[in-house]
Amino acid sequence: MRIRTSGGMIELSDREAGELRERLRRVASAQPTEETIAVSANASTSVTFTHTQKVTVIDVLAQWMNELGGEEIGEGLFKLRDALTADLERE
């Protein structure tokens, strides 16, 4: 899965993308974000998040990293967190 950020494209492995989508499904407020990913995946296009969706993804990633201590988070997810955080700082 490819996610478009202001700093460029972030590539997630299939495993990373699957885990992220599963975690987003578990959070009611994150459903629109997961639906955006699903639509992009079906259309074979990159994902572009809104401001609210960026905040949601960062929150879900932060909770995930706290649970695991960051040990099992893939490199792509760290890059995604950093890129989305940078996007929010620019807005």
N, C-alpha and C. Protein backbone atom coordinates (compact mmCIF):
# COMPACT_ATOMS: atom_id res chain seq x y z
N MET A 1 0.85 -1.17 0.00
CA MET A 1 0.00 0.00 0.00
C MET A 1 0.89 1.23 0.00
N ARG A 2 0.50 2.21 -0.81
CA ARG A 2 1.24 3.46 -0.90
C ARG A 2 0.37 4.59 -0.35
N ILE A 3 0.97 5.42 0.49
CA ILE A 3 0.26 6.54 1.10
C ILE A 3 0.97 7.83 0.70
N ARG A 4 0.20 8.74 0.15
CA ARG A 4 0.75 10.02 -0.30
C ARG A 4 0.80 11.01 0.87
N THR A 5 1.98 11.58 1.08
CA THR A 5 2.15 12.63 2.09
C THR A 5 2.81 13.82 1.41
N SER A 6 2.85 14.95 2.09
CA SER A 6 3.48 16.12 1.47
C SER A 6 4.97 15.90 1.25
N GLY A 7 5.56 14.98 2.00
CA GLY A 7 6.98 14.68 1.85
C GLY A 7 7.27 13.58 0.84
N GLY A 8 6.23 13.04 0.23
CA GLY A 8 6.41 11.96 -0.75
C GLY A 8 5.59 10.74 -0.39
N MET A 9 5.81 9.68 -1.13
CA MET A 9 5.05 8.44 -0.93
C MET A 9 5.69 7.59 0.16
N ILE A 10 4.83 7.00 0.99
CA ILE A 10 5.27 6.04 2.00
C ILE A 10 4.73 4.68 1.57
N GLU A 11 5.60 3.70 1.51
CA GLU A 11 5.23 2.36 1.08
C GLU A 11 5.14 1.46 2.30
N LEU A 12 3.99 0.79 2.45
CA LEU A 12 3.83 -0.20 3.52
C LEU A 12 3.81 -1.59 2.91
N SER A 13 4.44 -2.52 3.60
CA SER A 13 4.39 -3.91 3.15
C SER A 13 2.96 -4.41 3.30
N ASP A 14 2.66 -5.54 2.68
CA ASP A 14 1.32 -6.12 2.81
C ASP A 14 1.00 -6.42 4.27
N ARG A 15 1.97 -6.90 5.01
CA ARG A 15 1.77 -7.20 6.42
C ARG A 15 1.47 -5.94 7.22
N GLU A 16 2.26 -4.90 6.99
CA GLU A 16 2.05 -3.63 7.69
C GLU A 16 0.68 -3.04 7.36
N ALA A 17 0.33 -3.06 6.08
CA ALA A 17 -0.96 -2.51 5.66
C ALA A 17 -2.11 -3.30 6.27
N GLY A 18 -1.99 -4.61 6.28
CA GLY A 18 -3.04 -5.46 6.87
C GLY A 18 -3.20 -5.21 8.36
N GLU A 19 -2.10 -5.09 9.07
CA GLU A 19 -2.15 -4.82 10.51
C GLU A 19 -2.75 -3.45 10.79
N LEU A 20 -2.34 -2.45 10.01
CA LEU A 20 -2.88 -1.11 10.21
C LEU A 20 -4.38 -1.10 9.97
N ARG A 21 -4.82 -1.72 8.89
CA ARG A 21 -6.26 -1.76 8.60
C ARG A 21 -7.02 -2.48 9.70
N GLU A 22 -6.47 -3.56 10.21
CA GLU A 22 -7.14 -4.30 11.29
C GLU A 22 -7.26 -3.43 12.54
N ARG A 23 -6.22 -2.72 12.87
CA ARG A 23 -6.27 -1.85 14.06
C ARG A 23 -7.23 -0.68 13.85
N LEU A 24 -7.30 -0.15 12.64
CA LEU A 24 -8.25 0.92 12.37
C LEU A 24 -9.70 0.42 12.49
N ARG A 25 -9.94 -0.82 12.08
CA ARG A 25 -11.29 -1.39 12.17
C ARG A 25 -11.77 -1.50 13.61
N ARG A 26 -10.85 -1.64 14.54
CA ARG A 26 -11.20 -1.81 15.96
C ARG A 26 -11.60 -0.50 16.65
N VAL A 27 -11.37 0.62 15.98
CA VAL A 27 -11.66 1.93 16.56
C VAL A 27 -12.81 2.56 15.77
N ALA A 28 -13.94 2.76 16.44
CA ALA A 28 -15.13 3.26 15.75
C ALA A 28 -14.85 4.56 15.00
N SER A 29 -14.13 5.48 15.61
CA SER A 29 -13.87 6.77 14.97
C SER A 29 -12.91 6.65 13.78
N ALA A 30 -12.27 5.50 13.63
CA ALA A 30 -11.32 5.31 12.54
C ALA A 30 -11.94 4.63 11.32
N GLN A 31 -13.22 4.31 11.38
CA GLN A 31 -13.87 3.62 10.26
C GLN A 31 -13.75 4.39 8.94
N PRO A 32 -13.96 5.71 8.92
CA PRO A 32 -13.80 6.43 7.64
C PRO A 32 -12.39 6.32 7.07
N THR A 33 -11.40 6.26 7.94
CA THR A 33 -10.02 6.13 7.49
C THR A 33 -9.80 4.77 6.86
N GLU A 34 -10.31 3.72 7.48
CA GLU A 34 -10.17 2.37 6.93
C GLU A 34 -10.91 2.27 5.60
N GLU A 35 -12.07 2.92 5.50
CA GLU A 35 -12.83 2.91 4.25
C GLU A 35 -12.08 3.62 3.13
N THR A 36 -11.37 4.69 3.46
CA THR A 36 -10.54 5.39 2.47
C THR A 36 -9.45 4.46 1.94
N ILE A 37 -8.84 3.70 2.84
CA ILE A 37 -7.81 2.74 2.43
C ILE A 37 -8.42 1.67 1.54
N ALA A 38 -9.59 1.16 1.91
CA ALA A 38 -10.25 0.10 1.14
C ALA A 38 -10.57 0.58 -0.28
N VAL A 39 -11.10 1.79 -0.40
CA VAL A 39 -11.43 2.33 -1.72
C VAL A 39 -10.17 2.46 -2.57
N SER A 40 -9.11 2.98 -1.99
CA SER A 40 -7.85 3.14 -2.72
C SER A 40 -7.27 1.79 -3.12
N ALA A 41 -7.37 0.81 -2.22
CA ALA A 41 -6.85 -0.52 -2.53
C ALA A 41 -7.63 -1.15 -3.69
N ASN A 42 -8.94 -0.99 -3.67
CA ASN A 42 -9.76 -1.55 -4.75
C ASN A 42 -9.48 -0.89 -6.08
N ALA A 43 -9.14 0.39 -6.04
CA ALA A 43 -8.85 1.13 -7.27
C ALA A 43 -7.37 1.07 -7.65
N SER A 44 -6.57 0.40 -6.84
CA SER A 44 -5.12 0.29 -7.06
C SER A 44 -4.46 1.66 -7.17
N THR A 45 -4.89 2.58 -6.30
CA THR A 45 -4.29 3.92 -6.27
C THR A 45 -3.68 4.15 -4.90
N SER A 46 -2.89 5.22 -4.80
CA SER A 46 -2.31 5.56 -3.51
C SER A 46 -3.39 6.16 -2.61
N VAL A 47 -3.14 6.11 -1.32
CA VAL A 47 -4.06 6.63 -0.32
C VAL A 47 -3.67 8.07 0.01
N THR A 48 -4.65 8.94 0.07
CA THR A 48 -4.43 10.32 0.53
C THR A 48 -5.38 10.57 1.68
N PHE A 49 -4.85 10.89 2.84
CA PHE A 49 -5.66 11.12 4.02
C PHE A 49 -6.02 12.59 4.20
N THR A 50 -7.20 12.84 4.76
CA THR A 50 -7.59 14.18 5.18
C THR A 50 -6.87 14.50 6.48
N HIS A 51 -6.99 15.75 6.92
CA HIS A 51 -6.38 16.15 8.19
C HIS A 51 -6.87 15.25 9.33
N THR A 52 -8.18 15.07 9.43
CA THR A 52 -8.76 14.25 10.50
C THR A 52 -8.26 12.81 10.43
N GLN A 53 -8.16 12.27 9.22
CA GLN A 53 -7.68 10.90 9.06
C GLN A 53 -6.21 10.77 9.45
N LYS A 54 -5.41 11.78 9.18
CA LYS A 54 -4.00 11.76 9.59
C LYS A 54 -3.91 11.69 11.11
N VAL A 55 -4.71 12.50 11.79
CA VAL A 55 -4.72 12.49 13.26
C VAL A 55 -5.13 11.10 13.76
N THR A 56 -6.14 10.52 13.15
CA THR A 56 -6.62 9.19 13.55
C THR A 56 -5.53 8.14 13.38
N VAL A 57 -4.85 8.14 12.23
CA VAL A 57 -3.79 7.15 11.98
C VAL A 57 -2.66 7.33 12.99
N ILE A 58 -2.26 8.57 13.25
CA ILE A 58 -1.19 8.82 14.22
C ILE A 58 -1.60 8.30 15.60
N ASP A 59 -2.85 8.55 16.00
CA ASP A 59 -3.34 8.07 17.30
C ASP A 59 -3.32 6.55 17.39
N VAL A 60 -3.79 5.89 16.32
CA VAL A 60 -3.82 4.42 16.32
C VAL A 60 -2.39 3.87 16.35
N LEU A 61 -1.49 4.47 15.59
CA LEU A 61 -0.09 4.02 15.61
C LEU A 61 0.54 4.24 16.98
N ALA A 62 0.25 5.36 17.62
CA ALA A 62 0.82 5.63 18.95
C ALA A 62 0.34 4.60 19.96
N GLN A 63 -0.94 4.28 19.93
CA GLN A 63 -1.48 3.28 20.85
C GLN A 63 -0.83 1.92 20.59
N TRP A 64 -0.69 1.57 19.33
CA TRP A 64 -0.07 0.30 18.94
C TRP A 64 1.36 0.23 19.43
N MET A 65 2.12 1.30 19.22
CA MET A 65 3.52 1.33 19.64
C MET A 65 3.65 1.24 21.16
N ASN A 66 2.72 1.87 21.87
CA ASN A 66 2.74 1.79 23.33
C ASN A 66 2.47 0.37 23.81
N GLU A 67 1.56 -0.32 23.15
CA GLU A 67 1.24 -1.71 23.52
C GLU A 67 2.44 -2.63 23.35
N LEU A 68 3.14 -2.46 22.24
CA LEU A 68 4.23 -3.37 21.90
C LEU A 68 5.60 -2.84 22.27
N GLY A 69 5.65 -1.63 22.72
CA GLY A 69 6.95 -1.02 22.96
C GLY A 69 7.68 -0.74 21.66
N GLY A 70 6.95 -0.73 20.55
CA GLY A 70 7.55 -0.42 19.26
C GLY A 70 8.34 -1.56 18.64
N GLU A 71 8.39 -2.71 19.31
CA GLU A 71 9.25 -3.80 18.84
C GLU A 71 8.77 -4.43 17.55
N GLU A 72 7.47 -4.58 17.39
CA GLU A 72 6.95 -5.33 16.25
C GLU A 72 6.33 -4.44 15.18
N ILE A 73 6.58 -3.17 15.27
CA ILE A 73 6.07 -2.24 14.27
C ILE A 73 7.06 -2.21 13.12
N GLY A 74 6.54 -2.33 11.91
CA GLY A 74 7.41 -2.32 10.74
C GLY A 74 7.99 -0.94 10.46
N GLU A 75 9.08 -0.93 9.74
CA GLU A 75 9.77 0.32 9.41
C GLU A 75 8.86 1.27 8.64
N GLY A 76 8.03 0.72 7.75
CA GLY A 76 7.11 1.55 6.97
C GLY A 76 6.14 2.31 7.85
N LEU A 77 5.71 1.68 8.96
CA LEU A 77 4.76 2.33 9.86
C LEU A 77 5.42 3.46 10.64
N PHE A 78 6.68 3.28 11.01
CA PHE A 78 7.42 4.38 11.64
C PHE A 78 7.55 5.56 10.67
N LYS A 79 7.87 5.25 9.41
CA LYS A 79 7.99 6.30 8.40
C LYS A 79 6.65 7.00 8.19
N LEU A 80 5.57 6.22 8.19
CA LEU A 80 4.23 6.80 8.02
C LEU A 80 3.92 7.75 9.17
N ARG A 81 4.17 7.31 10.39
CA ARG A 81 3.91 8.17 11.55
C ARG A 81 4.68 9.48 11.43
N ASP A 82 5.96 9.39 11.10
CA ASP A 82 6.80 10.59 11.01
C ASP A 82 6.32 11.51 9.88
N ALA A 83 5.95 10.92 8.73
CA ALA A 83 5.51 11.73 7.60
C ALA A 83 4.18 12.41 7.89
N LEU A 84 3.25 11.70 8.52
CA LEU A 84 1.95 12.30 8.83
C LEU A 84 2.10 13.37 9.90
N THR A 85 2.98 13.16 10.87
CA THR A 85 3.25 14.17 11.89
C THR A 85 3.82 15.43 11.23
N ALA A 86 4.74 15.25 10.31
CA ALA A 86 5.32 16.40 9.59
C ALA A 86 4.25 17.13 8.79
N ASP A 87 3.34 16.37 8.16
CA ASP A 87 2.23 16.99 7.42
C ASP A 87 1.40 17.86 8.33
N LEU A 88 1.05 17.35 9.51
CA LEU A 88 0.22 18.10 10.43
C LEU A 88 0.92 19.37 10.91
N GLU A 89 2.23 19.30 11.08
CA GLU A 89 2.99 20.47 11.52
C GLU A 89 3.00 21.55 10.45
N ARG A 90 2.88 21.14 9.18
CA ARG A 90 2.87 22.10 8.07
C ARG A 90 1.51 22.74 7.85
N GLU A 91 0.47 22.09 8.33
CA GLU A 91 -0.90 22.58 8.08
C GLU A 91 -1.24 23.76 8.95
